[in-house]
Amino acid sequence: MSSRFSLKPVSLSECLTAQRRIPELATGASLARYERRIAAAPFLALVAYQQHHIIGFKLGFALSPQCFYSWLGGVVSSYRSQGVARALL
């Protein structure tokens, strides 16, 4: 399996789609949960892709102008230990 992948900033709904691909994180995943947690804060949602397949995601938001909180993320099990999470972070 090649470790080549790309990262793309996405919307909250696209981030949710990625989260649902990770069984350990799929339960309780909802757009409403994201919106409650983030509120009106600036956020960054990233998804990692390999050949157009979602292999991971990361979601974080600003707590203040000087502090960014890396809140939630995960990598599909077959792509772990390949640097995906590190790249997303």
PDB file of N, CA and C in Angstrom:
ATOM      1  N   MET A   1       0.845  -1.177   0.000  1.00  0.00           N
ATOM      2  CA  MET A   1       0.000   0.000   0.000  1.00  0.00           C
ATOM      3  C   MET A   1       0.893   1.244   0.000  1.00  0.00           C
ATOM      4  N   SER A   2       0.662   2.135  -0.921  1.00  0.00           N
ATOM      5  CA  SER A   2       1.433   3.373  -1.022  1.00  0.00           C
ATOM      6  C   SER A   2       1.043   4.322   0.098  1.00  0.00           C
ATOM      7  N   SER A   3       2.018   5.058   0.629  1.00  0.00           N
ATOM      8  CA  SER A   3       1.712   6.014   1.693  1.00  0.00           C
ATOM      9  C   SER A   3       1.459   7.413   1.147  1.00  0.00           C
ATOM     10  N   ARG A   4       1.387   7.581  -0.173  1.00  0.00           N
ATOM     11  CA  ARG A   4       1.115   8.891  -0.762  1.00  0.00           C
ATOM     12  C   ARG A   4      -0.337   9.268  -0.522  1.00  0.00           C
ATOM     13  N   PHE A   5      -0.516  10.485  -0.006  1.00  0.00           N
ATOM     14  CA  PHE A   5      -1.867  10.975   0.249  1.00  0.00           C
ATOM     15  C   PHE A   5      -1.851  12.486   0.142  1.00  0.00           C
ATOM     16  N   SER A   6      -3.040  13.072   0.057  1.00  0.00           N
ATOM     17  CA  SER A   6      -3.153  14.525  -0.015  1.00  0.00           C
ATOM     18  C   SER A   6      -4.107  15.001   1.071  1.00  0.00           C
ATOM     19  N   LEU A   7      -3.951  16.268   1.467  1.00  0.00           N
ATOM     20  CA  LEU A   7      -4.801  16.890   2.475  1.00  0.00           C
ATOM     21  C   LEU A   7      -5.613  17.990   1.817  1.00  0.00           C
ATOM     22  N   LYS A   8      -6.858  18.133   2.252  1.00  0.00           N
ATOM     23  CA  LYS A   8      -7.725  19.148   1.673  1.00  0.00           C
ATOM     24  C   LYS A   8      -8.587  19.775   2.769  1.00  0.00           C
ATOM     25  N   PRO A   9      -8.634  21.114   2.844  1.00  0.00           N
ATOM     26  CA  PRO A   9      -9.581  21.758   3.756  1.00  0.00           C
ATOM     27  C   PRO A   9     -11.000  21.477   3.265  1.00  0.00           C
ATOM     28  N   VAL A  10     -11.903  21.180   4.183  1.00  0.00           N
ATOM     29  CA  VAL A  10     -13.264  20.807   3.823  1.00  0.00           C
ATOM     30  C   VAL A  10     -14.281  21.516   4.715  1.00  0.00           C
ATOM     31  N   SER A  11     -15.535  21.386   4.367  1.00  0.00           N
ATOM     32  CA  SER A  11     -16.633  21.904   5.181  1.00  0.00           C
ATOM     33  C   SER A  11     -16.863  20.972   6.374  1.00  0.00           C
ATOM     34  N   LEU A  12     -17.659  21.430   7.318  1.00  0.00           N
ATOM     35  CA  LEU A  12     -17.993  20.579   8.461  1.00  0.00           C
ATOM     36  C   LEU A  12     -18.727  19.316   8.017  1.00  0.00           C
ATOM     37  N   SER A  13     -19.605  19.431   7.045  1.00  0.00           N
ATOM     38  CA  SER A  13     -20.335  18.240   6.598  1.00  0.00           C
ATOM     39  C   SER A  13     -19.406  17.224   5.927  1.00  0.00           C
ATOM     40  N   GLU A  14     -18.417  17.694   5.190  1.00  0.00           N
ATOM     41  CA  GLU A  14     -17.439  16.779   4.588  1.00  0.00           C
ATOM     42  C   GLU A  14     -16.562  16.139   5.662  1.00  0.00           C
ATOM     43  N   CYS A  15     -16.252  16.905   6.701  1.00  0.00           N
ATOM     44  CA  CYS A  15     -15.476  16.363   7.823  1.00  0.00           C
ATOM     45  C   CYS A  15     -16.281  15.266   8.520  1.00  0.00           C
ATOM     46  N   LEU A  16     -17.565  15.488   8.682  1.00  0.00           N
ATOM     47  CA  LEU A  16     -18.443  14.497   9.298  1.00  0.00           C
ATOM     48  C   LEU A  16     -18.459  13.204   8.483  1.00  0.00           C
ATOM     49  N   THR A  17     -18.504  13.321   7.172  1.00  0.00           N
ATOM     50  CA  THR A  17     -18.448  12.140   6.303  1.00  0.00           C
ATOM     51  C   THR A  17     -17.176  11.348   6.577  1.00  0.00           C
ATOM     52  N   ALA A  18     -16.059  12.054   6.740  1.00  0.00           N
ATOM     53  CA  ALA A  18     -14.785  11.388   7.030  1.00  0.00           C
ATOM     54  C   ALA A  18     -14.824  10.720   8.397  1.00  0.00           C
ATOM     55  N   GLN A  19     -15.357  11.404   9.392  1.00  0.00           N
ATOM     56  CA  GLN A  19     -15.416  10.823  10.740  1.00  0.00           C
ATOM     57  C   GLN A  19     -16.214   9.526  10.740  1.00  0.00           C
ATOM     58  N   ARG A  20     -17.273   9.486   9.988  1.00  0.00           N
ATOM     59  CA  ARG A  20     -18.130   8.293   9.945  1.00  0.00           C
ATOM     60  C   ARG A  20     -17.455   7.092   9.291  1.00  0.00           C
ATOM     61  N   ARG A  21     -16.317   7.303   8.636  1.00  0.00           N
ATOM     62  CA  ARG A  21     -15.566   6.195   8.021  1.00  0.00           C
ATOM     63  C   ARG A  21     -14.649   5.507   9.027  1.00  0.00           C
ATOM     64  N   ILE A  22     -14.596   6.051  10.236  1.00  0.00           N
ATOM     65  CA  ILE A  22     -13.733   5.486  11.280  1.00  0.00           C
ATOM     66  C   ILE A  22     -14.653   4.898  12.351  1.00  0.00           C
ATOM     67  N   PRO A  23     -14.793   3.571  12.400  1.00  0.00           N
ATOM     68  CA  PRO A  23     -15.784   2.940  13.272  1.00  0.00           C
ATOM     69  C   PRO A  23     -15.721   3.390  14.743  1.00  0.00           C
ATOM     70  N   GLU A  24     -14.535   3.568  15.287  1.00  0.00           N
ATOM     71  CA  GLU A  24     -14.411   3.959  16.694  1.00  0.00           C
ATOM     72  C   GLU A  24     -14.965   5.354  16.971  1.00  0.00           C
ATOM     73  N   LEU A  25     -15.065   6.174  15.930  1.00  0.00           N
ATOM     74  CA  LEU A  25     -15.508   7.558  16.095  1.00  0.00           C
ATOM     75  C   LEU A  25     -16.880   7.829  15.488  1.00  0.00           C
ATOM     76  N   ALA A  26     -17.470   6.856  14.854  1.00  0.00           N
ATOM     77  CA  ALA A  26     -18.726   7.073  14.133  1.00  0.00           C
ATOM     78  C   ALA A  26     -19.918   7.289  15.062  1.00  0.00           C
ATOM     79  N   THR A  27     -19.948   6.630  16.200  1.00  0.00           N
ATOM     80  CA  THR A  27     -21.066   6.762  17.125  1.00  0.00           C
ATOM     81  C   THR A  27     -21.141   8.177  17.674  1.00  0.00           C
ATOM     82  N   GLY A  28     -22.311   8.763  17.581  1.00  0.00           N
ATOM     83  CA  GLY A  28     -22.514  10.112  18.102  1.00  0.00           C
ATOM     84  C   GLY A  28     -22.048  11.220  17.183  1.00  0.00           C
ATOM     85  N   ALA A  29     -21.518  10.871  16.028  1.00  0.00           N
ATOM     86  CA  ALA A  29     -21.046  11.885  15.083  1.00  0.00           C
ATOM     87  C   ALA A  29     -22.242  12.579  14.451  1.00  0.00           C
ATOM     88  N   SER A  30     -22.274  13.906  14.573  1.00  0.00           N
ATOM     89  CA  SER A  30     -23.363  14.653  13.941  1.00  0.00           C
ATOM     90  C   SER A  30     -22.922  16.082  13.672  1.00  0.00           C
ATOM     91  N   LEU A  31     -23.545  16.669  12.693  1.00  0.00           N
ATOM     92  CA  LEU A  31     -23.272  18.061  12.360  1.00  0.00           C
ATOM     93  C   LEU A  31     -23.678  18.965  13.525  1.00  0.00           C
ATOM     94  N   ALA A  32     -24.761  18.640  14.191  1.00  0.00           N
ATOM     95  CA  ALA A  32     -25.206  19.430  15.347  1.00  0.00           C
ATOM     96  C   ALA A  32     -24.152  19.411  16.461  1.00  0.00           C
ATOM     97  N   ARG A  33     -23.510  18.275  16.678  1.00  0.00           N
ATOM     98  CA  ARG A  33     -22.451  18.190  17.695  1.00  0.00           C
ATOM     99  C   ARG A  33     -21.288  19.097  17.325  1.00  0.00           C
ATOM    100  N   TYR A  34     -20.880  19.051  16.067  1.00  0.00           N
ATOM    101  CA  TYR A  34     -19.812  19.934  15.604  1.00  0.00           C
ATOM    102  C   TYR A  34     -20.182  21.390  15.847  1.00  0.00           C
ATOM    103  N   GLU A  35     -21.375  21.752  15.428  1.00  0.00           N
ATOM    104  CA  GLU A  35     -21.800  23.155  15.535  1.00  0.00           C
ATOM    105  C   GLU A  35     -21.885  23.613  16.991  1.00  0.00           C
ATOM    106  N   ARG A  36     -22.368  22.745  17.887  1.00  0.00           N
ATOM    107  CA  ARG A  36     -22.417  23.101  19.314  1.00  0.00           C
ATOM    108  C   ARG A  36     -21.015  23.317  19.868  1.00  0.00           C
ATOM    109  N   ARG A  37     -20.107  22.432  19.522  1.00  0.00           N
ATOM    110  CA  ARG A  37     -18.749  22.489  20.070  1.00  0.00           C
ATOM    111  C   ARG A  37     -17.977  23.702  19.527  1.00  0.00           C
ATOM    112  N   ILE A  38     -18.088  23.953  18.251  1.00  0.00           N
ATOM    113  CA  ILE A  38     -17.331  25.021  17.613  1.00  0.00           C
ATOM    114  C   ILE A  38     -17.994  26.382  17.801  1.00  0.00           C
ATOM    115  N   ALA A  39     -19.327  26.393  17.845  1.00  0.00           N
ATOM    116  CA  ALA A  39     -20.116  27.635  17.925  1.00  0.00           C
ATOM    117  C   ALA A  39     -19.723  28.534  16.757  1.00  0.00           C
ATOM    118  N   ALA A  40     -19.336  29.769  17.043  1.00  0.00           N
ATOM    119  CA  ALA A  40     -18.988  30.707  15.974  1.00  0.00           C
ATOM    120  C   ALA A  40     -17.482  30.851  15.797  1.00  0.00           C
ATOM    121  N   ALA A  41     -16.706  29.998  16.433  1.00  0.00           N
ATOM    122  CA  ALA A  41     -15.247  30.110  16.377  1.00  0.00           C
ATOM    123  C   ALA A  41     -14.727  29.789  14.975  1.00  0.00           C
ATOM    124  N   PRO A  42     -13.650  30.437  14.576  1.00  0.00           N
ATOM    125  CA  PRO A  42     -12.987  30.021  13.332  1.00  0.00           C
ATOM    126  C   PRO A  42     -12.514  28.571  13.486  1.00  0.00           C
ATOM    127  N   PHE A  43     -12.671  27.773  12.446  1.00  0.00           N
ATOM    128  CA  PHE A  43     -12.286  26.363  12.537  1.00  0.00           C
ATOM    129  C   PHE A  43     -11.494  25.952  11.300  1.00  0.00           C
ATOM    130  N   LEU A  44     -10.829  24.815  11.425  1.00  0.00           N
ATOM    131  CA  LEU A  44     -10.149  24.197  10.296  1.00  0.00           C
ATOM    132  C   LEU A  44     -10.521  22.721  10.295  1.00  0.00           C
ATOM    133  N   ALA A  45     -11.086  22.268   9.201  1.00  0.00           N
ATOM    134  CA  ALA A  45     -11.434  20.863   8.992  1.00  0.00           C
ATOM    135  C   ALA A  45     -10.611  20.373   7.812  1.00  0.00           C
ATOM    136  N   LEU A  46      -9.831  19.335   8.040  1.00  0.00           N
ATOM    137  CA  LEU A  46      -8.995  18.759   6.988  1.00  0.00           C
ATOM    138  C   LEU A  46      -9.349  17.293   6.796  1.00  0.00           C
ATOM    139  N   VAL A  47      -9.300  16.858   5.557  1.00  0.00           N
ATOM    140  CA  VAL A  47      -9.480  15.438   5.254  1.00  0.00           C
ATOM    141  C   VAL A  47      -8.278  14.974   4.453  1.00  0.00           C
ATOM    142  N   ALA A  48      -7.795  13.779   4.779  1.00  0.00           N
ATOM    143  CA  ALA A  48      -6.703  13.152   4.032  1.00  0.00           C
ATOM    144  C   ALA A  48      -7.314  12.174   3.032  1.00  0.00           C
ATOM    145  N   TYR A  49      -6.802  12.229   1.817  1.00  0.00           N
ATOM    146  CA  TYR A  49      -7.280  11.367   0.739  1.00  0.00           C
ATOM    147  C   TYR A  49      -6.113  10.592   0.145  1.00  0.00           C
ATOM    148  N   GLN A  50      -6.402   9.371  -0.264  1.00  0.00           N
ATOM    149  CA  GLN A  50      -5.474   8.617  -1.097  1.00  0.00           C
ATOM    150  C   GLN A  50      -6.279   8.121  -2.289  1.00  0.00           C
ATOM    151  N   GLN A  51      -5.916   8.578  -3.461  1.00  0.00           N
ATOM    152  CA  GLN A  51      -6.626   8.227  -4.699  1.00  0.00           C
ATOM    153  C   GLN A  51      -8.138   8.426  -4.539  1.00  0.00           C
ATOM    154  N   HIS A  52      -8.537   9.566  -4.038  1.00  0.00           N
ATOM    155  CA  HIS A  52      -9.940   9.965  -3.881  1.00  0.00           C
ATOM    156  C   HIS A  52     -10.688   9.210  -2.784  1.00  0.00           C
ATOM    157  N   HIS A  53      -9.982   8.393  -1.993  1.00  0.00           N
ATOM    158  CA  HIS A  53     -10.596   7.686  -0.874  1.00  0.00           C
ATOM    159  C   HIS A  53     -10.236   8.428   0.418  1.00  0.00           C
ATOM    160  N   ILE A  54     -11.222   8.650   1.261  1.00  0.00           N
ATOM    161  CA  ILE A  54     -10.977   9.297   2.550  1.00  0.00           C
ATOM    162  C   ILE A  54     -10.208   8.326   3.433  1.00  0.00           C
ATOM    163  N   ILE A  55      -9.080   8.806   3.980  1.00  0.00           N
ATOM    164  CA  ILE A  55      -8.291   7.947   4.860  1.00  0.00           C
ATOM    165  C   ILE A  55      -8.100   8.556   6.250  1.00  0.00           C
ATOM    166  N   GLY A  56      -8.533   9.802   6.459  1.00  0.00           N
ATOM    167  CA  GLY A  56      -8.417  10.405   7.781  1.00  0.00           C
ATOM    168  C   GLY A  56      -8.971  11.813   7.795  1.00  0.00           C
ATOM    169  N   PHE A  57      -9.079  12.378   9.009  1.00  0.00           N
ATOM    170  CA  PHE A  57      -9.582  13.742   9.146  1.00  0.00           C
ATOM    171  C   PHE A  57      -9.039  14.378  10.420  1.00  0.00           C
ATOM    172  N   LYS A  58      -9.122  15.691  10.485  1.00  0.00           N
ATOM    173  CA  LYS A  58      -8.753  16.462  11.676  1.00  0.00           C
ATOM    174  C   LYS A  58      -9.644  17.680  11.722  1.00  0.00           C
ATOM    175  N   LEU A  59     -10.150  17.994  12.910  1.00  0.00           N
ATOM    176  CA  LEU A  59     -11.002  19.156  13.111  1.00  0.00           C
ATOM    177  C   LEU A  59     -10.533  19.902  14.342  1.00  0.00           C
ATOM    178  N   GLY A  60     -10.323  21.199  14.190  1.00  0.00           N
ATOM    179  CA  GLY A  60      -9.922  22.038  15.310  1.00  0.00           C
ATOM    180  C   GLY A  60     -10.511  23.420  15.162  1.00  0.00           C
ATOM    181  N   PHE A  61     -10.420  24.203  16.237  1.00  0.00           N
ATOM    182  CA  PHE A  61     -10.997  25.543  16.205  1.00  0.00           C
ATOM    183  C   PHE A  61     -10.249  26.467  17.154  1.00  0.00           C
ATOM    184  N   ALA A  62     -10.454  27.759  16.948  1.00  0.00           N
ATOM    185  CA  ALA A  62      -9.781  28.769  17.757  1.00  0.00           C
ATOM    186  C   ALA A  62     -10.496  28.926  19.095  1.00  0.00           C
ATOM    187  N   LEU A  63      -9.719  28.848  20.172  1.00  0.00           N
ATOM    188  CA  LEU A  63     -10.246  29.165  21.497  1.00  0.00           C
ATOM    189  C   LEU A  63     -10.099  30.655  21.775  1.00  0.00           C
ATOM    190  N   SER A  64      -9.090  31.227  21.154  1.00  0.00           N
ATOM    191  CA  SER A  64      -8.820  32.661  21.260  1.00  0.00           C
ATOM    192  C   SER A  64      -7.966  33.021  20.050  1.00  0.00           C
ATOM    193  N   PRO A  65      -7.675  34.312  19.859  1.00  0.00           N
ATOM    194  CA  PRO A  65      -6.819  34.674  18.722  1.00  0.00           C
ATOM    195  C   PRO A  65      -5.414  34.055  18.796  1.00  0.00           C
ATOM    196  N   GLN A  66      -4.981  33.661  19.981  1.00  0.00           N
ATOM    197  CA  GLN A  66      -3.640  33.088  20.144  1.00  0.00           C
ATOM    198  C   GLN A  66      -3.628  31.577  20.385  1.00  0.00           C
ATOM    199  N   CYS A  67      -4.807  30.957  20.476  1.00  0.00           N
ATOM    200  CA  CYS A  67      -4.847  29.536  20.845  1.00  0.00           C
ATOM    201  C   CYS A  67      -5.774  28.747  19.926  1.00  0.00           C
ATOM    202  N   PHE A  68      -5.200  27.737  19.255  1.00  0.00           N
ATOM    203  CA  PHE A  68      -5.969  26.842  18.390  1.00  0.00           C
ATOM    204  C   PHE A  68      -6.078  25.489  19.079  1.00  0.00           C
ATOM    205  N   TYR A  69      -7.278  24.961  19.186  1.00  0.00           N
ATOM    206  CA  TYR A  69      -7.531  23.686  19.843  1.00  0.00           C
ATOM    207  C   TYR A  69      -7.739  22.585  18.794  1.00  0.00           C
ATOM    208  N   SER A  70      -6.854  21.619  18.774  1.00  0.00           N
ATOM    209  CA  SER A  70      -6.967  20.474  17.880  1.00  0.00           C
ATOM    210  C   SER A  70      -7.902  19.471  18.550  1.00  0.00           C
ATOM    211  N   TRP A  71      -9.164  19.465  18.147  1.00  0.00           N
ATOM    212  CA  TRP A  71     -10.208  18.780  18.890  1.00  0.00           C
ATOM    213  C   TRP A  71     -10.381  17.306  18.558  1.00  0.00           C
ATOM    214  N   LEU A  72     -10.577  16.981  17.300  1.00  0.00           N
ATOM    215  CA  LEU A  72     -11.029  15.646  16.953  1.00  0.00           C
ATOM    216  C   LEU A  72     -10.369  15.199  15.660  1.00  0.00           C
ATOM    217  N   GLY A  73      -9.965  13.955  15.612  1.00  0.00           N
ATOM    218  CA  GLY A  73      -9.370  13.442  14.392  1.00  0.00           C
ATOM    219  C   GLY A  73      -9.189  11.946  14.453  1.00  0.00           C
ATOM    220  N   GLY A  74      -8.943  11.367  13.307  1.00  0.00           N
ATOM    221  CA  GLY A  74      -8.704   9.942  13.249  1.00  0.00           C
ATOM    222  C   GLY A  74      -8.268   9.517  11.863  1.00  0.00           C
ATOM    223  N   VAL A  75      -7.759   8.293  11.810  1.00  0.00           N
ATOM    224  CA  VAL A  75      -7.260   7.717  10.558  1.00  0.00           C
ATOM    225  C   VAL A  75      -7.870   6.325  10.403  1.00  0.00           C
ATOM    226  N   VAL A  76      -8.306   6.000   9.206  1.00  0.00           N
ATOM    227  CA  VAL A  76      -8.828   4.675   8.899  1.00  0.00           C
ATOM    228  C   VAL A  76      -7.762   3.648   9.291  1.00  0.00           C
ATOM    229  N   SER A  77      -8.178   2.569   9.941  1.00  0.00           N
ATOM    230  CA  SER A  77      -7.230   1.626  10.539  1.00  0.00           C
ATOM    231  C   SER A  77      -6.173   1.099   9.570  1.00  0.00           C
ATOM    232  N   SER A  78      -6.518   0.837   8.344  1.00  0.00           N
ATOM    233  CA  SER A  78      -5.535   0.286   7.401  1.00  0.00           C
ATOM    234  C   SER A  78      -4.494   1.308   6.944  1.00  0.00           C
ATOM    235  N   TYR A  79      -4.654   2.580   7.325  1.00  0.00           N
ATOM    236  CA  TYR A  79      -3.703   3.627   6.946  1.00  0.00           C
ATOM    237  C   TYR A  79      -2.930   4.170   8.145  1.00  0.00           C
ATOM    238  N   ARG A  80      -3.110   3.586   9.299  1.00  0.00           N
ATOM    239  CA  ARG A  80      -2.409   4.063  10.491  1.00  0.00           C
ATOM    240  C   ARG A  80      -0.929   3.722  10.409  1.00  0.00           C
ATOM    241  N   SER A  81      -0.127   4.464  11.150  1.00  0.00           N
ATOM    242  CA  SER A  81       1.337   4.302  11.190  1.00  0.00           C
ATOM    243  C   SER A  81       1.996   4.619   9.850  1.00  0.00           C
ATOM    244  N   GLN A  82       1.372   5.504   9.073  1.00  0.00           N
ATOM    245  CA  GLN A  82       1.943   5.920   7.794  1.00  0.00           C
ATOM    246  C   GLN A  82       2.129   7.441   7.735  1.00  0.00           C
ATOM    247  N   GLY A  83       1.994   8.112   8.873  1.00  0.00           N
ATOM    248  CA  GLY A  83       2.213   9.556   8.914  1.00  0.00           C
ATOM    249  C   GLY A  83       0.999  10.401   8.590  1.00  0.00           C
ATOM    250  N   VAL A  84      -0.160   9.791   8.448  1.00  0.00           N
ATOM    251  CA  VAL A  84      -1.370  10.538   8.084  1.00  0.00           C
ATOM    252  C   VAL A  84      -1.774  11.467   9.229  1.00  0.00           C
ATOM    253  N   ALA A  85      -1.872  10.957  10.435  1.00  0.00           N
ATOM    254  CA  ALA A  85      -2.281  11.777  11.588  1.00  0.00           C
ATOM    255  C   ALA A  85      -1.297  12.920  11.816  1.00  0.00           C
ATOM    256  N   ARG A  86      -0.021  12.640  11.686  1.00  0.00           N
ATOM    257  CA  ARG A  86       1.001  13.687  11.871  1.00  0.00           C
ATOM    258  C   ARG A  86       0.825  14.799  10.831  1.00  0.00           C
ATOM    259  N   ALA A  87       0.566  14.413   9.599  1.00  0.00           N
ATOM    260  CA  ALA A  87       0.364  15.407   8.536  1.00  0.00           C
ATOM    261  C   ALA A  87      -0.891  16.235   8.793  1.00  0.00           C
ATOM    262  N   LEU A  88      -1.955  15.597   9.265  1.00  0.00           N
ATOM    263  CA  LEU A  88      -3.191  16.310   9.566  1.00  0.00           C
ATOM    264  C   LEU A  88      -3.009  17.295  10.716  1.00  0.00           C
ATOM    265  N   LEU A  89      -2.225  16.888  11.695  1.00  0.00           N
ATOM    266  CA  LEU A  89      -1.986  17.760  12.851  1.00  0.00           C
ATOM    267  C   LEU A  89      -1.157  18.971  12.447  1.00  0.00           C
TER     268      LEU A  89
END
